[in-house]
Amino acid sequence: MSIDRVRAHIAKYGLEDRIQLFEESSATVLLAAERLGVEPARIAKTLSFLTEDGPVLILTAGDRKIDNPKYKAVFHTKAKMIPRDQVEMLIGHEVGGVCPFGVRTGVKVYLDESIKRFSTVFPAAGTPESAIELSIPELERVSEYDRWIDVCKAMDA
C-alpha cells in the first residue's frame, strides 16, 4: 500500500509522525489547503511527466503551472504528463496522493524554484487523504531530489 511505502521512506528521516491523514479528500490543491488551513500556494503539488529518461516528478507551489518553454529548455522535450491510468504503475502512488516519497526505482524528483519562497510546504503523503508539512531543507532531504529547476509560471500567466 502506498501510504505504507511513504511512511517507511519518511521514517528513514525520523519524520513519520508528521504525516497527517484526513477523513475527506485532500487530492487537489484547494482541498488540501482547506483541510490544512493554509493558503493554496503552500501546497507542494507533485506533477508527473514522461521523459526520454523515464518518469519524473516536479514539486511546485500550488499557485503555479508548467511553463512549456521553460520545461523544454530543461528537459529538451515537450512537457508530456503521465496519463492518469498509468500514474500509479509508473510512479507508485495513485492520482491525488502522488508525492516524491517511496516512489518506484528510477523516478527522478525535481523541486521547482517556486516553493523556495515558503518556510514550509505541504506535499501529499501517498494517498488522496494525506499530507506532510516539511521545511525546504527537510523536503530536499526526504524527497532525495535530483536538483532545483525553474519550469513554472503563475497560474494566471
N, C-alpha and C. Protein backbone atom coordinates (compact mmCIF):
# COMPACT_ATOMS: atom_id res chain seq x y z
N MET A 1 0.84 -1.19 0.00
CA MET A 1 0.00 0.00 0.00
C MET A 1 0.89 1.25 0.00
N SER A 2 0.48 2.25 -0.76
CA SER A 2 1.25 3.46 -0.96
C SER A 2 1.60 4.19 0.34
N ILE A 3 0.64 4.32 1.24
CA ILE A 3 0.90 5.03 2.50
C ILE A 3 1.96 4.31 3.32
N ASP A 4 1.99 3.00 3.24
CA ASP A 4 3.00 2.22 3.97
C ASP A 4 4.39 2.47 3.41
N ARG A 5 4.51 2.53 2.08
CA ARG A 5 5.81 2.85 1.46
C ARG A 5 6.27 4.25 1.84
N VAL A 6 5.33 5.19 1.83
CA VAL A 6 5.65 6.56 2.20
C VAL A 6 6.10 6.63 3.65
N ARG A 7 5.33 5.99 4.51
CA ARG A 7 5.66 6.00 5.95
C ARG A 7 7.06 5.41 6.18
N ALA A 8 7.36 4.30 5.52
CA ALA A 8 8.68 3.67 5.66
C ALA A 8 9.78 4.57 5.12
N HIS A 9 9.53 5.23 4.00
CA HIS A 9 10.52 6.14 3.42
C HIS A 9 10.78 7.31 4.36
N ILE A 10 9.73 7.93 4.84
CA ILE A 10 9.86 9.10 5.71
C ILE A 10 10.46 8.72 7.07
N ALA A 11 10.22 7.48 7.50
CA ALA A 11 10.78 7.01 8.78
C ALA A 11 12.31 6.99 8.75
N LYS A 12 12.89 6.82 7.57
CA LYS A 12 14.36 6.86 7.46
C LYS A 12 14.91 8.20 7.92
N TYR A 13 14.06 9.22 7.92
CA TYR A 13 14.46 10.57 8.31
C TYR A 13 13.86 10.98 9.66
N GLY A 14 13.16 10.05 10.31
CA GLY A 14 12.58 10.32 11.62
C GLY A 14 11.42 11.30 11.61
N LEU A 15 10.71 11.40 10.49
CA LEU A 15 9.64 12.39 10.37
C LEU A 15 8.26 11.76 10.16
N GLU A 16 8.14 10.45 10.32
CA GLU A 16 6.88 9.78 10.01
C GLU A 16 5.72 10.26 10.88
N ASP A 17 6.00 10.79 12.07
CA ASP A 17 4.93 11.28 12.94
C ASP A 17 4.31 12.57 12.41
N ARG A 18 4.87 13.16 11.39
CA ARG A 18 4.34 14.40 10.80
C ARG A 18 3.26 14.14 9.74
N ILE A 19 3.12 12.91 9.30
CA ILE A 19 2.10 12.60 8.28
C ILE A 19 0.72 12.88 8.86
N GLN A 20 -0.07 13.63 8.12
CA GLN A 20 -1.44 13.93 8.53
C GLN A 20 -2.40 13.18 7.62
N LEU A 21 -3.36 12.48 8.24
CA LEU A 21 -4.39 11.76 7.49
C LEU A 21 -5.72 12.45 7.73
N PHE A 22 -6.53 12.54 6.69
CA PHE A 22 -7.81 13.24 6.76
C PHE A 22 -8.96 12.27 6.49
N GLU A 23 -10.12 12.60 7.01
CA GLU A 23 -11.32 11.81 6.77
C GLU A 23 -11.82 12.02 5.34
N GLU A 24 -11.57 13.21 4.81
CA GLU A 24 -12.05 13.55 3.47
C GLU A 24 -10.87 13.82 2.55
N SER A 25 -11.13 13.86 1.28
CA SER A 25 -10.08 14.04 0.27
C SER A 25 -9.32 15.34 0.41
N SER A 26 -8.02 15.23 0.17
CA SER A 26 -7.14 16.40 0.06
C SER A 26 -6.40 16.31 -1.27
N ALA A 27 -7.07 15.71 -2.26
CA ALA A 27 -6.44 15.34 -3.53
C ALA A 27 -6.15 16.51 -4.46
N THR A 28 -6.74 17.67 -4.23
CA THR A 28 -6.45 18.82 -5.07
C THR A 28 -5.79 19.90 -4.20
N VAL A 29 -5.20 20.87 -4.85
CA VAL A 29 -4.58 21.97 -4.11
C VAL A 29 -5.60 22.64 -3.20
N LEU A 30 -6.78 22.95 -3.73
CA LEU A 30 -7.79 23.66 -2.93
C LEU A 30 -8.30 22.81 -1.77
N LEU A 31 -8.53 21.52 -2.01
CA LEU A 31 -8.98 20.65 -0.92
C LEU A 31 -7.90 20.52 0.15
N ALA A 32 -6.66 20.34 -0.26
CA ALA A 32 -5.56 20.21 0.70
C ALA A 32 -5.41 21.49 1.52
N ALA A 33 -5.47 22.63 0.85
CA ALA A 33 -5.35 23.91 1.56
C ALA A 33 -6.48 24.07 2.58
N GLU A 34 -7.69 23.68 2.20
CA GLU A 34 -8.84 23.75 3.10
C GLU A 34 -8.64 22.83 4.30
N ARG A 35 -8.24 21.59 4.08
CA ARG A 35 -8.04 20.63 5.18
C ARG A 35 -6.95 21.12 6.15
N LEU A 36 -5.90 21.74 5.59
CA LEU A 36 -4.75 22.16 6.40
C LEU A 36 -4.88 23.58 6.94
N GLY A 37 -5.81 24.36 6.41
CA GLY A 37 -5.98 25.73 6.86
C GLY A 37 -4.84 26.64 6.44
N VAL A 38 -4.31 26.41 5.22
CA VAL A 38 -3.20 27.22 4.71
C VAL A 38 -3.58 27.77 3.33
N GLU A 39 -2.79 28.74 2.86
CA GLU A 39 -3.03 29.28 1.52
C GLU A 39 -2.68 28.22 0.48
N PRO A 40 -3.42 28.15 -0.61
CA PRO A 40 -3.17 27.14 -1.64
C PRO A 40 -1.75 27.12 -2.18
N ALA A 41 -1.10 28.27 -2.25
CA ALA A 41 0.27 28.32 -2.78
C ALA A 41 1.22 27.44 -1.99
N ARG A 42 0.96 27.22 -0.69
CA ARG A 42 1.86 26.42 0.16
C ARG A 42 1.69 24.91 -0.02
N ILE A 43 0.71 24.50 -0.81
CA ILE A 43 0.56 23.08 -1.13
C ILE A 43 1.60 22.76 -2.21
N ALA A 44 2.48 21.83 -1.91
CA ALA A 44 3.51 21.42 -2.88
C ALA A 44 2.92 20.32 -3.75
N LYS A 45 2.34 20.73 -4.87
CA LYS A 45 1.74 19.72 -5.74
C LYS A 45 2.84 19.01 -6.51
N THR A 46 2.62 17.73 -6.73
CA THR A 46 3.60 16.88 -7.40
C THR A 46 3.05 16.51 -8.77
N LEU A 47 3.70 17.00 -9.81
CA LEU A 47 3.28 16.74 -11.19
C LEU A 47 4.16 15.65 -11.78
N SER A 48 3.56 14.75 -12.53
CA SER A 48 4.30 13.60 -13.09
C SER A 48 4.35 13.68 -14.61
N PHE A 49 5.57 13.51 -15.14
CA PHE A 49 5.82 13.62 -16.58
C PHE A 49 6.62 12.44 -17.08
N LEU A 50 6.48 12.17 -18.38
CA LEU A 50 7.30 11.16 -19.06
C LEU A 50 8.38 11.88 -19.85
N THR A 51 9.62 11.44 -19.69
CA THR A 51 10.72 11.98 -20.49
C THR A 51 11.41 10.79 -21.16
N GLU A 52 12.36 11.09 -22.03
CA GLU A 52 13.12 10.01 -22.68
C GLU A 52 13.87 9.16 -21.66
N ASP A 53 14.22 9.76 -20.53
CA ASP A 53 14.95 9.05 -19.48
C ASP A 53 14.03 8.36 -18.48
N GLY A 54 12.72 8.43 -18.69
CA GLY A 54 11.77 7.80 -17.78
C GLY A 54 10.89 8.81 -17.07
N PRO A 55 10.10 8.35 -16.09
CA PRO A 55 9.19 9.25 -15.39
C PRO A 55 9.93 10.20 -14.46
N VAL A 56 9.41 11.42 -14.38
CA VAL A 56 9.95 12.42 -13.45
C VAL A 56 8.80 13.04 -12.68
N LEU A 57 9.12 13.49 -11.48
CA LEU A 57 8.18 14.23 -10.65
C LEU A 57 8.73 15.64 -10.47
N ILE A 58 7.85 16.62 -10.53
CA ILE A 58 8.22 18.01 -10.28
C ILE A 58 7.31 18.54 -9.18
N LEU A 59 7.92 18.95 -8.06
CA LEU A 59 7.16 19.58 -6.99
C LEU A 59 7.15 21.07 -7.21
N THR A 60 5.96 21.64 -7.22
CA THR A 60 5.81 23.07 -7.46
C THR A 60 4.79 23.65 -6.49
N ALA A 61 4.83 24.95 -6.32
CA ALA A 61 3.86 25.62 -5.45
C ALA A 61 2.47 25.47 -6.03
N GLY A 62 1.48 25.45 -5.15
CA GLY A 62 0.10 25.24 -5.56
C GLY A 62 -0.48 26.31 -6.46
N ASP A 63 0.17 27.47 -6.53
CA ASP A 63 -0.33 28.55 -7.38
C ASP A 63 0.45 28.66 -8.68
N ARG A 64 1.15 27.60 -9.06
CA ARG A 64 1.97 27.61 -10.27
C ARG A 64 1.53 26.50 -11.23
N LYS A 65 1.92 26.66 -12.50
CA LYS A 65 1.69 25.64 -13.52
C LYS A 65 2.94 25.57 -14.39
N ILE A 66 3.03 24.50 -15.15
CA ILE A 66 4.19 24.31 -16.02
C ILE A 66 4.23 25.38 -17.10
N ASP A 67 5.40 25.93 -17.31
CA ASP A 67 5.67 26.88 -18.38
C ASP A 67 6.36 26.05 -19.47
N ASN A 68 5.66 25.78 -20.55
CA ASN A 68 6.19 24.87 -21.57
C ASN A 68 7.56 25.24 -22.12
N PRO A 69 7.83 26.50 -22.47
CA PRO A 69 9.18 26.82 -22.96
C PRO A 69 10.27 26.56 -21.89
N LYS A 70 9.98 26.88 -20.65
CA LYS A 70 10.96 26.62 -19.58
C LYS A 70 11.18 25.11 -19.41
N TYR A 71 10.09 24.35 -19.45
CA TYR A 71 10.19 22.89 -19.32
C TYR A 71 11.07 22.33 -20.45
N LYS A 72 10.79 22.78 -21.68
CA LYS A 72 11.55 22.27 -22.83
C LYS A 72 13.03 22.64 -22.72
N ALA A 73 13.33 23.80 -22.17
CA ALA A 73 14.73 24.23 -22.01
C ALA A 73 15.47 23.31 -21.03
N VAL A 74 14.77 22.81 -20.03
CA VAL A 74 15.39 21.93 -19.03
C VAL A 74 15.45 20.48 -19.51
N PHE A 75 14.34 19.97 -20.04
CA PHE A 75 14.24 18.55 -20.37
C PHE A 75 14.42 18.25 -21.86
N HIS A 76 14.55 19.28 -22.69
CA HIS A 76 14.80 19.13 -24.13
C HIS A 76 13.72 18.34 -24.84
N THR A 77 12.50 18.46 -24.33
CA THR A 77 11.35 17.82 -24.95
C THR A 77 10.10 18.55 -24.50
N LYS A 78 9.01 18.36 -25.21
CA LYS A 78 7.73 18.94 -24.84
C LYS A 78 7.22 18.27 -23.55
N ALA A 79 6.59 19.04 -22.69
CA ALA A 79 6.02 18.50 -21.45
C ALA A 79 4.90 17.52 -21.79
N LYS A 80 5.05 16.28 -21.31
CA LYS A 80 4.03 15.25 -21.53
C LYS A 80 3.71 14.61 -20.19
N MET A 81 2.55 14.99 -19.65
CA MET A 81 2.14 14.43 -18.37
C MET A 81 1.85 12.93 -18.53
N ILE A 82 2.08 12.19 -17.47
CA ILE A 82 1.78 10.77 -17.49
C ILE A 82 0.26 10.61 -17.49
N PRO A 83 -0.29 9.80 -18.39
CA PRO A 83 -1.74 9.59 -18.40
C PRO A 83 -2.22 9.07 -17.04
N ARG A 84 -3.35 9.58 -16.63
CA ARG A 84 -3.94 9.26 -15.32
C ARG A 84 -3.93 7.76 -15.01
N ASP A 85 -4.26 6.94 -16.00
CA ASP A 85 -4.35 5.50 -15.76
C ASP A 85 -2.99 4.81 -15.68
N GLN A 86 -1.90 5.55 -15.88
CA GLN A 86 -0.56 4.96 -15.79
C GLN A 86 0.26 5.49 -14.62
N VAL A 87 -0.27 6.50 -13.93
CA VAL A 87 0.49 7.16 -12.86
C VAL A 87 0.87 6.17 -11.76
N GLU A 88 -0.08 5.43 -11.25
CA GLU A 88 0.23 4.51 -10.14
C GLU A 88 1.25 3.45 -10.57
N MET A 89 1.12 2.92 -11.78
CA MET A 89 2.04 1.90 -12.26
C MET A 89 3.46 2.46 -12.41
N LEU A 90 3.59 3.68 -12.93
CA LEU A 90 4.91 4.26 -13.20
C LEU A 90 5.55 4.93 -11.99
N ILE A 91 4.74 5.54 -11.14
CA ILE A 91 5.24 6.31 -10.00
C ILE A 91 5.16 5.53 -8.70
N GLY A 92 4.06 4.80 -8.51
CA GLY A 92 3.88 4.05 -7.28
C GLY A 92 2.81 4.62 -6.37
N HIS A 93 2.20 5.73 -6.77
CA HIS A 93 1.13 6.35 -5.98
C HIS A 93 -0.04 6.68 -6.89
N GLU A 94 -1.24 6.63 -6.32
CA GLU A 94 -2.42 6.96 -7.11
C GLU A 94 -2.55 8.47 -7.28
N VAL A 95 -3.25 8.88 -8.32
CA VAL A 95 -3.50 10.30 -8.57
C VAL A 95 -4.19 10.88 -7.34
N GLY A 96 -3.75 12.05 -6.93
CA GLY A 96 -4.30 12.69 -5.73
C GLY A 96 -3.40 12.47 -4.52
N GLY A 97 -2.57 11.43 -4.58
CA GLY A 97 -1.65 11.15 -3.49
C GLY A 97 -0.21 11.10 -3.95
N VAL A 98 0.03 11.49 -5.20
CA VAL A 98 1.39 11.44 -5.75
C VAL A 98 2.29 12.37 -4.94
N CYS A 99 3.43 11.82 -4.56
CA CYS A 99 4.41 12.56 -3.78
C CYS A 99 5.79 11.98 -4.10
N PRO A 100 6.86 12.64 -3.67
CA PRO A 100 8.20 12.16 -4.01
C PRO A 100 8.75 11.12 -3.04
N PHE A 101 7.93 10.61 -2.15
CA PHE A 101 8.39 9.69 -1.10
C PHE A 101 7.94 8.26 -1.41
N GLY A 102 8.87 7.32 -1.38
CA GLY A 102 8.51 5.93 -1.61
C GLY A 102 8.09 5.65 -3.04
N VAL A 103 8.71 6.34 -3.99
CA VAL A 103 8.36 6.14 -5.40
C VAL A 103 9.12 4.94 -5.97
N ARG A 104 8.70 4.52 -7.14
CA ARG A 104 9.36 3.40 -7.81
C ARG A 104 10.80 3.77 -8.18
N THR A 105 11.65 2.76 -8.23
CA THR A 105 13.04 2.95 -8.61
C THR A 105 13.12 3.58 -10.00
N GLY A 106 14.00 4.54 -10.17
CA GLY A 106 14.20 5.18 -11.46
C GLY A 106 13.42 6.46 -11.66
N VAL A 107 12.48 6.77 -10.75
CA VAL A 107 11.72 8.01 -10.86
C VAL A 107 12.60 9.15 -10.32
N LYS A 108 12.87 10.15 -11.15
CA LYS A 108 13.67 11.30 -10.71
C LYS A 108 12.75 12.38 -10.16
N VAL A 109 13.21 13.04 -9.11
CA VAL A 109 12.44 14.09 -8.44
C VAL A 109 13.15 15.42 -8.62
N TYR A 110 12.38 16.43 -9.03
CA TYR A 110 12.89 17.79 -9.18
C TYR A 110 12.04 18.73 -8.33
N LEU A 111 12.68 19.73 -7.77
CA LEU A 111 11.98 20.74 -6.98
C LEU A 111 11.98 22.04 -7.76
N ASP A 112 10.79 22.62 -7.96
CA ASP A 112 10.70 23.87 -8.69
C ASP A 112 10.98 25.04 -7.75
N GLU A 113 11.68 26.03 -8.28
CA GLU A 113 12.08 27.22 -7.53
C GLU A 113 10.89 27.91 -6.84
N SER A 114 9.69 27.72 -7.35
CA SER A 114 8.51 28.40 -6.81
C SER A 114 8.22 28.08 -5.35
N ILE A 115 8.70 26.94 -4.85
CA ILE A 115 8.41 26.60 -3.45
C ILE A 115 9.43 27.19 -2.48
N LYS A 116 10.52 27.72 -3.00
CA LYS A 116 11.56 28.28 -2.12
C LYS A 116 11.09 29.50 -1.33
N ARG A 117 10.00 30.12 -1.75
CA ARG A 117 9.55 31.33 -1.08
C ARG A 117 8.83 31.06 0.24
N PHE A 118 8.62 29.79 0.58
CA PHE A 118 7.94 29.42 1.81
C PHE A 118 8.91 28.77 2.80
N SER A 119 8.65 28.95 4.10
CA SER A 119 9.48 28.27 5.09
C SER A 119 9.10 26.80 5.19
N THR A 120 7.80 26.50 5.03
CA THR A 120 7.35 25.11 4.99
C THR A 120 6.32 24.96 3.88
N VAL A 121 6.23 23.73 3.35
CA VAL A 121 5.23 23.40 2.33
C VAL A 121 4.59 22.06 2.71
N PHE A 122 3.50 21.74 2.01
CA PHE A 122 2.71 20.55 2.33
C PHE A 122 2.52 19.65 1.11
N PRO A 123 3.42 18.72 0.84
CA PRO A 123 3.15 17.74 -0.22
C PRO A 123 2.21 16.65 0.29
N ALA A 124 1.63 15.90 -0.63
CA ALA A 124 0.82 14.74 -0.27
C ALA A 124 1.75 13.69 0.34
N ALA A 125 1.14 12.65 0.90
CA ALA A 125 1.93 11.59 1.53
C ALA A 125 1.48 10.21 1.07
N GLY A 126 1.15 10.09 -0.22
CA GLY A 126 0.89 8.78 -0.80
C GLY A 126 -0.56 8.40 -0.99
N THR A 127 -1.49 9.17 -0.41
CA THR A 127 -2.91 8.89 -0.60
C THR A 127 -3.63 10.21 -0.87
N PRO A 128 -4.85 10.15 -1.42
CA PRO A 128 -5.62 11.38 -1.64
C PRO A 128 -6.18 11.99 -0.36
N GLU A 129 -5.85 11.42 0.79
CA GLU A 129 -6.33 11.94 2.08
C GLU A 129 -5.17 12.18 3.04
N SER A 130 -4.03 12.65 2.50
CA SER A 130 -2.86 12.79 3.37
C SER A 130 -2.00 13.98 2.96
N ALA A 131 -1.16 14.41 3.91
CA ALA A 131 -0.19 15.48 3.65
C ALA A 131 0.88 15.41 4.73
N ILE A 132 1.97 16.11 4.50
CA ILE A 132 3.03 16.24 5.49
C ILE A 132 3.62 17.64 5.36
N GLU A 133 3.84 18.29 6.50
CA GLU A 133 4.46 19.61 6.48
C GLU A 133 5.97 19.44 6.63
N LEU A 134 6.70 20.03 5.69
CA LEU A 134 8.16 19.94 5.70
C LEU A 134 8.77 21.31 5.41
N SER A 135 9.88 21.59 6.09
CA SER A 135 10.66 22.78 5.74
C SER A 135 11.34 22.49 4.41
N ILE A 136 11.85 23.51 3.76
CA ILE A 136 12.52 23.30 2.48
C ILE A 136 13.75 22.41 2.65
N PRO A 137 14.61 22.61 3.66
CA PRO A 137 15.73 21.68 3.84
C PRO A 137 15.27 20.24 4.11
N GLU A 138 14.17 20.07 4.86
CA GLU A 138 13.65 18.72 5.09
C GLU A 138 13.13 18.11 3.79
N LEU A 139 12.43 18.91 2.99
CA LEU A 139 11.93 18.43 1.71
C LEU A 139 13.08 17.99 0.81
N GLU A 140 14.15 18.76 0.80
CA GLU A 140 15.32 18.38 0.00
C GLU A 140 15.84 17.01 0.42
N ARG A 141 15.97 16.80 1.72
CA ARG A 141 16.50 15.51 2.21
C ARG A 141 15.54 14.36 1.94
N VAL A 142 14.29 14.53 2.36
CA VAL A 142 13.33 13.44 2.31
C VAL A 142 12.92 13.08 0.87
N SER A 143 12.89 14.08 -0.01
CA SER A 143 12.50 13.80 -1.40
C SER A 143 13.62 13.14 -2.19
N GLU A 144 14.85 13.23 -1.66
CA GLU A 144 16.00 12.68 -2.37
C GLU A 144 16.02 13.22 -3.80
N TYR A 145 15.79 14.51 -3.91
CA TYR A 145 15.64 15.18 -5.20
C TYR A 145 16.92 15.18 -6.03
N ASP A 146 16.74 15.33 -7.33
CA ASP A 146 17.87 15.40 -8.25
C ASP A 146 18.48 16.80 -8.23
N ARG A 147 17.61 17.84 -8.43
CA ARG A 147 18.10 19.21 -8.41
C ARG A 147 16.92 20.19 -8.43
N TRP A 148 17.24 21.45 -8.13
CA TRP A 148 16.27 22.53 -8.26
C TRP A 148 16.17 22.93 -9.73
N ILE A 149 14.96 23.22 -10.19
CA ILE A 149 14.74 23.69 -11.55
C ILE A 149 13.75 24.85 -11.54
N ASP A 150 13.64 25.55 -12.64
CA ASP A 150 12.69 26.65 -12.79
C ASP A 150 11.89 26.38 -14.05
N VAL A 151 10.75 25.71 -13.90
CA VAL A 151 9.93 25.33 -15.07
C VAL A 151 8.47 25.75 -14.94
N CYS A 152 8.17 26.64 -13.99
CA CYS A 152 6.77 27.01 -13.77
C CYS A 152 6.54 28.50 -13.91
N LYS A 153 5.26 28.85 -14.00
CA LYS A 153 4.82 30.24 -14.05
C LYS A 153 3.53 30.35 -13.23
N ALA A 154 3.14 31.58 -12.93
CA ALA A 154 1.91 31.82 -12.18
C ALA A 154 0.72 31.27 -12.96
N MET A 155 -0.29 30.82 -12.24
CA MET A 155 -1.49 30.25 -12.87
C MET A 155 -2.17 31.23 -13.82
N ASP A 156 -2.13 32.50 -13.51
CA ASP A 156 -2.81 33.48 -14.35
C ASP A 156 -1.94 34.00 -15.50
N ALA A 157 -0.73 33.47 -15.60
CA ALA A 157 0.19 33.92 -16.67
C ALA A 157 -0.10 33.19 -17.97
